[in-house]
Amino acid sequence: MEYIIIENVGTVVGLLSNDILSTVLSDTSSLILSIVNGKYNYGNNLYNLLEELDILYKINILKNIIKKYEKKYEKIENIKYNLLGIKNIILHIYNILLKILNKIENYNKTYISYIKRVNYNKELKELKKYDKLLEKRFELLLKILNIMK
């Protein structure tokens, strides 16, 4: 099975409404949950990193905060811009996960998969990078929301 990777995230994110942010968060958390729960048995590196970064927890917290504040502050430019940035990062994380899953599935179809494991360390480094960015943007959102109170 091939997964679709969104290449031009900036364009897609610009077209997404705030309601779609919840969908992006839900889709990403579902994908992470399926990996963590063993639906995709592709080795421990990905699973361990997802556990270490605790991305699923962060995304679920974001979903709850966005549900609570999205409509209330949607017209405030700083919050709107920050939510757009968070959406961008979540899409990157989702696409990295899909890229890893595609890479593993395609690799498993080759004869060499019986000899050695697929290498997706580059994607794991990207995942760490975007996790840090997600944390920074999330902290900024909380600071802005505190100022607005």
C-alpha atoms as a PDB file:
ATOM      1  CA  MET A   1       0.000   0.000   0.000  1.00  0.00           C
ATOM      2  CA  GLU A   2       1.367   3.431  -0.950  1.00  0.00           C
ATOM      3  CA  TYR A   3       0.686   6.463   1.196  1.00  0.00           C
ATOM      4  CA  ILE A   4       0.319   9.903  -0.299  1.00  0.00           C
ATOM      5  CA  ILE A   5       2.860  12.463   0.839  1.00  0.00           C
ATOM      6  CA  ILE A   6       1.952  16.114   0.572  1.00  0.00           C
ATOM      7  CA  GLU A   7       4.989  17.778  -0.948  1.00  0.00           C
ATOM      8  CA  ASN A   8       3.988  21.426  -0.913  1.00  0.00           C
ATOM      9  CA  VAL A   9       2.854  21.776   2.667  1.00  0.00           C
ATOM     10  CA  GLY A  10       2.913  25.579   2.589  1.00  0.00           C
ATOM     11  CA  THR A  11       0.302  25.714  -0.155  1.00  0.00           C
ATOM     12  CA  VAL A  12      -1.884  23.079   1.427  1.00  0.00           C
ATOM     13  CA  VAL A  13      -1.670  24.703   4.845  1.00  0.00           C
ATOM     14  CA  GLY A  14      -2.648  28.058   3.397  1.00  0.00           C
ATOM     15  CA  LEU A  15      -5.803  26.509   2.005  1.00  0.00           C
ATOM     16  CA  LEU A  16      -6.782  24.698   5.174  1.00  0.00           C
ATOM     17  CA  SER A  17      -9.403  26.193   7.432  1.00  0.00           C
ATOM     18  CA  ASN A  18      -9.204  26.031  11.202  1.00  0.00           C
ATOM     19  CA  ASP A  19     -11.719  23.172  11.166  1.00  0.00           C
ATOM     20  CA  ILE A  20      -9.269  21.132   9.107  1.00  0.00           C
ATOM     21  CA  LEU A  21      -6.615  21.560  11.806  1.00  0.00           C
ATOM     22  CA  SER A  22      -8.608  19.208  14.000  1.00  0.00           C
ATOM     23  CA  THR A  23      -8.716  16.693  11.156  1.00  0.00           C
ATOM     24  CA  VAL A  24      -4.954  16.956  10.603  1.00  0.00           C
ATOM     25  CA  LEU A  25      -4.361  16.450  14.323  1.00  0.00           C
ATOM     26  CA  SER A  26      -6.748  13.481  14.415  1.00  0.00           C
ATOM     27  CA  ASP A  27      -5.212  11.827  11.355  1.00  0.00           C
ATOM     28  CA  THR A  28      -1.695  12.253  12.706  1.00  0.00           C
ATOM     29  CA  SER A  29      -2.601  10.967  16.150  1.00  0.00           C
ATOM     30  CA  SER A  30      -4.380   7.964  14.573  1.00  0.00           C
ATOM     31  CA  LEU A  31      -1.295   7.149  12.508  1.00  0.00           C
ATOM     32  CA  ILE A  32       0.972   7.447  15.550  1.00  0.00           C
ATOM     33  CA  LEU A  33      -1.420   5.362  17.630  1.00  0.00           C
ATOM     34  CA  SER A  34      -1.455   2.621  15.001  1.00  0.00           C
ATOM     35  CA  ILE A  35       2.360   2.552  15.017  1.00  0.00           C
ATOM     36  CA  VAL A  36       2.575   2.562  18.816  1.00  0.00           C
ATOM     37  CA  ASN A  37      -0.098  -0.132  19.154  1.00  0.00           C
ATOM     38  CA  GLY A  38       1.810  -2.388  16.792  1.00  0.00           C
ATOM     39  CA  LYS A  39      -0.370  -2.219  13.687  1.00  0.00           C
ATOM     40  CA  TYR A  40       2.857  -1.544  11.807  1.00  0.00           C
ATOM     41  CA  ASN A  41       5.529  -3.892  13.057  1.00  0.00           C
ATOM     42  CA  TYR A  42       8.553  -2.237  11.510  1.00  0.00           C
ATOM     43  CA  GLY A  43      11.156  -2.361  14.229  1.00  0.00           C
ATOM     44  CA  ASN A  44      11.796  -0.596  17.456  1.00  0.00           C
ATOM     45  CA  ASN A  45      13.556   2.560  16.235  1.00  0.00           C
ATOM     46  CA  LEU A  46      10.398   4.325  15.129  1.00  0.00           C
ATOM     47  CA  TYR A  47       8.327   3.050  18.028  1.00  0.00           C
ATOM     48  CA  ASN A  48      10.988   4.016  20.594  1.00  0.00           C
ATOM     49  CA  LEU A  49      11.410   7.492  19.148  1.00  0.00           C
ATOM     50  CA  LEU A  50       7.658   8.127  19.152  1.00  0.00           C
ATOM     51  CA  GLU A  51       7.538   7.039  22.780  1.00  0.00           C
ATOM     52  CA  GLU A  52      10.595   9.151  23.666  1.00  0.00           C
ATOM     53  CA  LEU A  53       9.255  12.285  21.983  1.00  0.00           C
ATOM     54  CA  ASP A  54       5.750  11.623  23.335  1.00  0.00           C
ATOM     55  CA  ILE A  55       4.279  13.089  20.155  1.00  0.00           C
ATOM     56  CA  LEU A  56       0.909  11.391  20.574  1.00  0.00           C
ATOM     57  CA  TYR A  57       0.403  13.051  23.962  1.00  0.00           C
ATOM     58  CA  LYS A  58       1.403  16.462  22.577  1.00  0.00           C
ATOM     59  CA  ILE A  59      -0.979  16.159  19.653  1.00  0.00           C
ATOM     60  CA  ASN A  60      -3.865  15.121  21.888  1.00  0.00           C
ATOM     61  CA  ILE A  61      -3.225  18.105  24.184  1.00  0.00           C
ATOM     62  CA  LEU A  62      -3.118  20.373  21.130  1.00  0.00           C
ATOM     63  CA  LYS A  63      -6.435  18.952  19.906  1.00  0.00           C
ATOM     64  CA  ASN A  64      -8.092  19.763  23.224  1.00  0.00           C
ATOM     65  CA  ILE A  65      -6.657  23.278  23.420  1.00  0.00           C
ATOM     66  CA  ILE A  66      -7.597  24.046  19.840  1.00  0.00           C
ATOM     67  CA  LYS A  67     -11.146  22.789  20.375  1.00  0.00           C
ATOM     68  CA  LYS A  68     -11.457  25.093  23.362  1.00  0.00           C
ATOM     69  CA  TYR A  69      -9.896  28.263  21.938  1.00  0.00           C
ATOM     70  CA  GLU A  70     -10.141  28.046  18.169  1.00  0.00           C
ATOM     71  CA  LYS A  71     -13.493  29.748  17.646  1.00  0.00           C
ATOM     72  CA  LYS A  72     -12.984  32.209  20.490  1.00  0.00           C
ATOM     73  CA  TYR A  73      -9.734  33.643  19.118  1.00  0.00           C
ATOM     74  CA  GLU A  74      -9.967  32.802  15.395  1.00  0.00           C
ATOM     75  CA  LYS A  75     -10.085  36.446  14.340  1.00  0.00           C
ATOM     76  CA  ILE A  76      -6.930  37.410  16.238  1.00  0.00           C
ATOM     77  CA  GLU A  77      -4.110  37.454  13.722  1.00  0.00           C
ATOM     78  CA  ASN A  78      -1.303  36.270  16.044  1.00  0.00           C
ATOM     79  CA  ILE A  79      -3.258  33.207  17.151  1.00  0.00           C
ATOM     80  CA  LYS A  80      -4.416  32.466  13.623  1.00  0.00           C
ATOM     81  CA  TYR A  81      -0.826  32.668  12.364  1.00  0.00           C
ATOM     82  CA  ASN A  82       0.416  30.484  15.212  1.00  0.00           C
ATOM     83  CA  LEU A  83      -2.256  27.847  14.530  1.00  0.00           C
ATOM     84  CA  LEU A  84      -1.224  27.888  10.877  1.00  0.00           C
ATOM     85  CA  GLY A  85       2.377  27.261  11.950  1.00  0.00           C
ATOM     86  CA  ILE A  86       1.312  24.385  14.193  1.00  0.00           C
ATOM     87  CA  LYS A  87      -0.736  22.925  11.362  1.00  0.00           C
ATOM     88  CA  ASN A  88       2.331  23.135   9.107  1.00  0.00           C
ATOM     89  CA  ILE A  89       4.491  21.269  11.622  1.00  0.00           C
ATOM     90  CA  ILE A  90       1.849  18.588  12.210  1.00  0.00           C
ATOM     91  CA  LEU A  91       1.613  18.023   8.443  1.00  0.00           C
ATOM     92  CA  HIS A  92       5.401  17.682   8.278  1.00  0.00           C
ATOM     93  CA  ILE A  93       5.340  15.120  11.089  1.00  0.00           C
ATOM     94  CA  TYR A  94       2.528  13.229   9.381  1.00  0.00           C
ATOM     95  CA  ASN A  95       4.389  13.220   6.067  1.00  0.00           C
ATOM     96  CA  ILE A  96       7.625  12.038   7.692  1.00  0.00           C
ATOM     97  CA  LEU A  97       5.767   9.148   9.297  1.00  0.00           C
ATOM     98  CA  LEU A  98       4.156   8.265   5.981  1.00  0.00           C
ATOM     99  CA  LYS A  99       7.529   8.490   4.252  1.00  0.00           C
ATOM    100  CA  ILE A 100       8.988   6.045   6.791  1.00  0.00           C
ATOM    101  CA  LEU A 101       6.072   3.638   6.388  1.00  0.00           C
ATOM    102  CA  ASN A 102       6.302   3.816   2.578  1.00  0.00           C
ATOM    103  CA  LYS A 103      10.046   3.277   2.716  1.00  0.00           C
ATOM    104  CA  ILE A 104       9.643   0.232   4.963  1.00  0.00           C
ATOM    105  CA  GLU A 105       6.823  -1.268   2.904  1.00  0.00           C
ATOM    106  CA  ASN A 106       8.729  -0.836  -0.361  1.00  0.00           C
ATOM    107  CA  TYR A 107      11.915  -2.178   1.198  1.00  0.00           C
ATOM    108  CA  ASN A 108      10.099  -5.239   2.556  1.00  0.00           C
ATOM    109  CA  LYS A 109       9.144  -6.143  -1.021  1.00  0.00           C
ATOM    110  CA  THR A 110      12.815  -6.540  -1.979  1.00  0.00           C
ATOM    111  CA  TYR A 111      14.981  -9.591  -1.498  1.00  0.00           C
ATOM    112  CA  ILE A 112      17.549  -7.657   0.557  1.00  0.00           C
ATOM    113  CA  SER A 113      14.985  -7.157   3.328  1.00  0.00           C
ATOM    114  CA  TYR A 114      15.746 -10.725   4.432  1.00  0.00           C
ATOM    115  CA  ILE A 115      19.385  -9.810   4.979  1.00  0.00           C
ATOM    116  CA  LYS A 116      19.310  -6.374   6.604  1.00  0.00           C
ATOM    117  CA  ARG A 117      16.880  -3.803   7.936  1.00  0.00           C
ATOM    118  CA  VAL A 118      15.768  -0.666   6.159  1.00  0.00           C
ATOM    119  CA  ASN A 119      17.552   2.527   7.115  1.00  0.00           C
ATOM    120  CA  TYR A 120      15.310   5.471   7.968  1.00  0.00           C
ATOM    121  CA  ASN A 121      17.620   7.300  10.360  1.00  0.00           C
ATOM    122  CA  LYS A 122      17.447  10.465   8.238  1.00  0.00           C
ATOM    123  CA  GLU A 123      13.670  10.551   8.672  1.00  0.00           C
ATOM    124  CA  LEU A 124      13.993   9.936  12.424  1.00  0.00           C
ATOM    125  CA  LYS A 125      16.306  12.967  12.671  1.00  0.00           C
ATOM    126  CA  GLU A 126      13.736  15.020  10.762  1.00  0.00           C
ATOM    127  CA  LEU A 127      11.045  13.818  13.145  1.00  0.00           C
ATOM    128  CA  LYS A 128      13.114  15.007  16.126  1.00  0.00           C
ATOM    129  CA  LYS A 129      13.646  18.380  14.459  1.00  0.00           C
ATOM    130  CA  TYR A 130       9.941  18.914  13.803  1.00  0.00           C
ATOM    131  CA  ASP A 131       9.052  17.736  17.283  1.00  0.00           C
ATOM    132  CA  LYS A 132      11.236  20.513  18.718  1.00  0.00           C
ATOM    133  CA  LEU A 133       9.586  23.038  16.411  1.00  0.00           C
ATOM    134  CA  LEU A 134       6.162  21.791  17.471  1.00  0.00           C
ATOM    135  CA  GLU A 135       7.084  22.298  21.118  1.00  0.00           C
ATOM    136  CA  LYS A 136       8.310  25.841  20.445  1.00  0.00           C
ATOM    137  CA  ARG A 137       5.171  26.796  18.531  1.00  0.00           C
ATOM    138  CA  PHE A 138       2.977  25.201  21.163  1.00  0.00           C
ATOM    139  CA  GLU A 139       4.742  27.179  23.908  1.00  0.00           C
ATOM    140  CA  LEU A 140       4.273  30.344  21.882  1.00  0.00           C
ATOM    141  CA  LEU A 141       0.554  29.595  21.488  1.00  0.00           C
ATOM    142  CA  LEU A 142       0.207  29.159  25.254  1.00  0.00           C
ATOM    143  CA  LYS A 143       2.023  32.450  25.865  1.00  0.00           C
ATOM    144  CA  ILE A 144      -0.236  34.275  23.423  1.00  0.00           C
ATOM    145  CA  LEU A 145      -3.343  32.722  24.980  1.00  0.00           C
ATOM    146  CA  ASN A 146      -2.170  33.793  28.440  1.00  0.00           C
ATOM    147  CA  ILE A 147      -1.701  37.353  27.216  1.00  0.00           C
ATOM    148  CA  MET A 148      -5.218  37.324  25.735  1.00  0.00           C
ATOM    149  CA  LYS A 149      -6.868  36.358  29.033  1.00  0.00           C
END
